[in-house]
């Protein structure tokens, strides 16, 4: 397994954790875990929240792609 691929995986996982921790909760704690979050909650987001949501999505996709590459090599 290439060292550069492991380094990318570590950086992406750390970034994903950090971005998720920066997001604010609007519902009760743990509500989204059991299906409490709905699509309607995403409509009311503004500014920083929209940016963090898009950044979280992008980093999560990159993390999944790098995980697939790690499994291939």
N, C-alpha and C. Protein backbone atom coordinates (compact mmCIF):
# COMPACT_ATOMS: atom_id res chain seq x y z
N UNK A 1 0.85 -1.18 0.00
CA UNK A 1 0.00 0.00 0.00
C UNK A 1 0.90 1.25 0.00
N UNK A 2 0.68 2.15 -0.93
CA UNK A 2 1.53 3.35 -1.02
C UNK A 2 1.40 4.26 0.21
N UNK A 3 2.52 4.82 0.61
CA UNK A 3 2.54 5.71 1.77
C UNK A 3 1.73 6.97 1.51
N UNK A 4 1.79 7.47 0.30
CA UNK A 4 1.06 8.71 -0.03
C UNK A 4 -0.45 8.51 0.08
N UNK A 5 -0.92 7.32 -0.21
CA UNK A 5 -2.35 7.04 -0.12
C UNK A 5 -2.80 6.99 1.35
N UNK A 6 -1.94 6.41 2.19
CA UNK A 6 -2.27 6.40 3.63
C UNK A 6 -2.24 7.81 4.21
N UNK A 7 -1.31 8.63 3.75
CA UNK A 7 -1.22 10.01 4.23
C UNK A 7 -2.46 10.80 3.82
N UNK A 8 -2.93 10.61 2.59
CA UNK A 8 -4.14 11.28 2.13
C UNK A 8 -5.34 10.84 2.97
N UNK A 9 -5.42 9.54 3.28
CA UNK A 9 -6.52 9.01 4.09
C UNK A 9 -6.51 9.63 5.49
N UNK A 10 -5.35 9.78 6.09
CA UNK A 10 -5.23 10.38 7.42
C UNK A 10 -5.66 11.85 7.39
N UNK A 11 -5.21 12.57 6.38
CA UNK A 11 -5.56 13.99 6.27
C UNK A 11 -7.06 14.16 6.05
N UNK A 12 -7.64 13.34 5.17
CA UNK A 12 -9.08 13.45 4.91
C UNK A 12 -9.91 13.08 6.13
N UNK A 13 -9.50 12.05 6.86
CA UNK A 13 -10.27 11.67 8.04
C UNK A 13 -10.20 12.73 9.12
N UNK A 14 -9.03 13.34 9.31
CA UNK A 14 -8.90 14.42 10.28
C UNK A 14 -9.74 15.63 9.87
N UNK A 15 -9.71 15.96 8.59
CA UNK A 15 -10.50 17.09 8.09
C UNK A 15 -11.99 16.83 8.24
N UNK A 16 -12.41 15.61 7.96
CA UNK A 16 -13.83 15.27 8.07
C UNK A 16 -14.30 15.37 9.52
N UNK A 17 -13.50 14.90 10.44
CA UNK A 17 -13.85 15.01 11.86
C UNK A 17 -13.96 16.47 12.27
N UNK A 18 -12.99 17.29 11.85
CA UNK A 18 -13.00 18.70 12.21
C UNK A 18 -14.21 19.44 11.65
N UNK A 19 -14.55 19.19 10.39
CA UNK A 19 -15.67 19.88 9.77
C UNK A 19 -16.99 19.47 10.43
N UNK A 20 -17.13 18.21 10.77
CA UNK A 20 -18.35 17.75 11.43
C UNK A 20 -18.47 18.38 12.82
N UNK A 21 -17.36 18.52 13.52
CA UNK A 21 -17.40 19.13 14.86
C UNK A 21 -17.73 20.61 14.81
N UNK A 22 -17.41 21.30 13.71
CA UNK A 22 -17.71 22.73 13.58
C UNK A 22 -19.18 23.01 13.30
N UNK A 23 -19.92 22.01 12.85
CA UNK A 23 -21.33 22.22 12.54
C UNK A 23 -22.14 22.34 13.82
N UNK A 24 -23.15 23.21 13.77
CA UNK A 24 -24.00 23.41 14.94
C UNK A 24 -25.21 22.50 14.86
N UNK A 25 -25.72 22.11 16.03
CA UNK A 25 -26.92 21.27 16.09
C UNK A 25 -28.14 22.14 16.26
N UNK A 26 -29.19 21.80 15.54
CA UNK A 26 -30.45 22.52 15.70
C UNK A 26 -31.50 21.64 16.36
N UNK A 27 -31.35 20.33 16.20
CA UNK A 27 -32.31 19.39 16.79
C UNK A 27 -31.76 18.88 18.12
N UNK A 28 -32.51 18.02 18.76
CA UNK A 28 -32.05 17.43 20.00
C UNK A 28 -30.84 16.55 19.71
N UNK A 29 -29.94 16.41 20.68
CA UNK A 29 -28.74 15.61 20.45
C UNK A 29 -29.11 14.16 20.10
N UNK A 30 -28.51 13.66 19.06
CA UNK A 30 -28.74 12.28 18.65
C UNK A 30 -30.00 12.07 17.85
N UNK A 31 -30.75 13.11 17.58
CA UNK A 31 -31.99 12.95 16.83
C UNK A 31 -31.78 12.52 15.41
N UNK A 32 -30.70 13.02 14.78
CA UNK A 32 -30.42 12.65 13.41
C UNK A 32 -29.93 11.22 13.27
N UNK A 33 -29.38 10.68 14.34
CA UNK A 33 -28.87 9.31 14.29
C UNK A 33 -30.00 8.32 14.05
N UNK A 34 -31.14 8.56 14.66
CA UNK A 34 -32.25 7.63 14.58
C UNK A 34 -33.31 8.08 13.58
N UNK A 35 -32.94 8.93 12.62
CA UNK A 35 -33.87 9.33 11.58
C UNK A 35 -34.64 10.60 11.90
N UNK A 36 -34.22 11.36 12.89
CA UNK A 36 -34.94 12.57 13.26
C UNK A 36 -34.71 13.73 12.31
N UNK A 37 -33.60 13.70 11.58
CA UNK A 37 -33.31 14.78 10.64
C UNK A 37 -34.10 14.63 9.36
N UNK A 38 -34.62 15.74 8.85
CA UNK A 38 -35.37 15.70 7.60
C UNK A 38 -34.72 16.61 6.59
N UNK A 39 -35.15 16.49 5.35
CA UNK A 39 -34.62 17.36 4.30
C UNK A 39 -35.04 18.80 4.51
N UNK A 40 -36.16 19.02 5.17
CA UNK A 40 -36.66 20.37 5.39
C UNK A 40 -35.71 21.19 6.27
N UNK A 41 -34.94 20.52 7.11
CA UNK A 41 -34.00 21.24 7.98
C UNK A 41 -32.89 21.89 7.17
N UNK A 42 -32.55 21.35 6.01
CA UNK A 42 -31.46 21.90 5.20
C UNK A 42 -31.86 23.16 4.47
N UNK A 43 -33.14 23.41 4.31
CA UNK A 43 -33.57 24.60 3.59
C UNK A 43 -33.31 25.88 4.38
N UNK A 44 -33.38 25.84 5.70
CA UNK A 44 -33.23 27.03 6.51
C UNK A 44 -31.79 27.42 6.78
N UNK A 45 -30.84 26.68 6.27
CA UNK A 45 -29.43 26.99 6.54
C UNK A 45 -28.98 28.20 5.72
N UNK A 46 -28.07 28.97 6.30
CA UNK A 46 -27.56 30.16 5.63
C UNK A 46 -26.07 30.29 5.86
N UNK A 47 -25.40 30.95 4.94
CA UNK A 47 -24.01 31.34 5.08
C UNK A 47 -23.05 30.23 5.43
N UNK A 48 -22.52 30.30 6.65
CA UNK A 48 -21.50 29.36 7.10
C UNK A 48 -22.03 27.93 7.13
N UNK A 49 -23.29 27.76 7.47
CA UNK A 49 -23.85 26.41 7.57
C UNK A 49 -23.92 25.74 6.21
N UNK A 50 -24.26 26.49 5.18
CA UNK A 50 -24.31 25.94 3.82
C UNK A 50 -22.91 25.54 3.38
N UNK A 51 -21.94 26.40 3.65
CA UNK A 51 -20.56 26.11 3.28
C UNK A 51 -20.06 24.86 4.00
N UNK A 52 -20.34 24.74 5.30
CA UNK A 52 -19.90 23.56 6.04
C UNK A 52 -20.59 22.29 5.56
N UNK A 53 -21.84 22.39 5.17
CA UNK A 53 -22.56 21.23 4.65
C UNK A 53 -21.94 20.76 3.33
N UNK A 54 -21.65 21.70 2.44
CA UNK A 54 -21.04 21.35 1.16
C UNK A 54 -19.62 20.82 1.34
N UNK A 55 -18.87 21.42 2.27
CA UNK A 55 -17.51 20.98 2.55
C UNK A 55 -17.52 19.57 3.15
N UNK A 56 -18.45 19.30 4.04
CA UNK A 56 -18.57 17.98 4.63
C UNK A 56 -18.88 16.94 3.56
N UNK A 57 -19.78 17.27 2.66
CA UNK A 57 -20.14 16.35 1.58
C UNK A 57 -18.94 16.08 0.68
N UNK A 58 -18.21 17.12 0.33
CA UNK A 58 -17.06 16.96 -0.56
C UNK A 58 -15.97 16.11 0.10
N UNK A 59 -15.67 16.39 1.36
CA UNK A 59 -14.63 15.63 2.05
C UNK A 59 -15.06 14.18 2.24
N UNK A 60 -16.34 13.95 2.53
CA UNK A 60 -16.83 12.58 2.70
C UNK A 60 -16.71 11.80 1.40
N UNK A 61 -17.02 12.43 0.27
CA UNK A 61 -16.90 11.75 -1.02
C UNK A 61 -15.44 11.43 -1.31
N UNK A 62 -14.54 12.39 -1.06
CA UNK A 62 -13.11 12.14 -1.26
C UNK A 62 -12.61 11.02 -0.34
N UNK A 63 -13.12 10.99 0.89
CA UNK A 63 -12.74 9.94 1.83
C UNK A 63 -13.18 8.57 1.33
N UNK A 64 -14.40 8.49 0.80
CA UNK A 64 -14.88 7.21 0.28
C UNK A 64 -14.09 6.77 -0.95
N UNK A 65 -13.76 7.70 -1.83
CA UNK A 65 -12.98 7.36 -3.01
C UNK A 65 -11.59 6.89 -2.60
N UNK A 66 -10.96 7.57 -1.66
CA UNK A 66 -9.63 7.14 -1.23
C UNK A 66 -9.70 5.79 -0.51
N UNK A 67 -10.79 5.50 0.17
CA UNK A 67 -10.95 4.19 0.80
C UNK A 67 -11.05 3.08 -0.24
N UNK A 68 -11.75 3.36 -1.33
CA UNK A 68 -11.84 2.37 -2.41
C UNK A 68 -10.46 2.15 -3.03
N UNK A 69 -9.72 3.23 -3.24
CA UNK A 69 -8.37 3.07 -3.80
C UNK A 69 -7.46 2.29 -2.85
N UNK A 70 -7.63 2.50 -1.55
CA UNK A 70 -6.82 1.76 -0.58
C UNK A 70 -7.16 0.27 -0.62
N UNK A 71 -8.42 -0.05 -0.85
CA UNK A 71 -8.80 -1.46 -0.90
C UNK A 71 -8.29 -2.13 -2.18
N UNK A 72 -8.15 -1.36 -3.26
CA UNK A 72 -7.64 -1.91 -4.52
C UNK A 72 -6.16 -2.20 -4.42
N UNK A 73 -5.42 -1.27 -3.84
CA UNK A 73 -3.96 -1.46 -3.76
C UNK A 73 -3.66 -2.32 -2.60
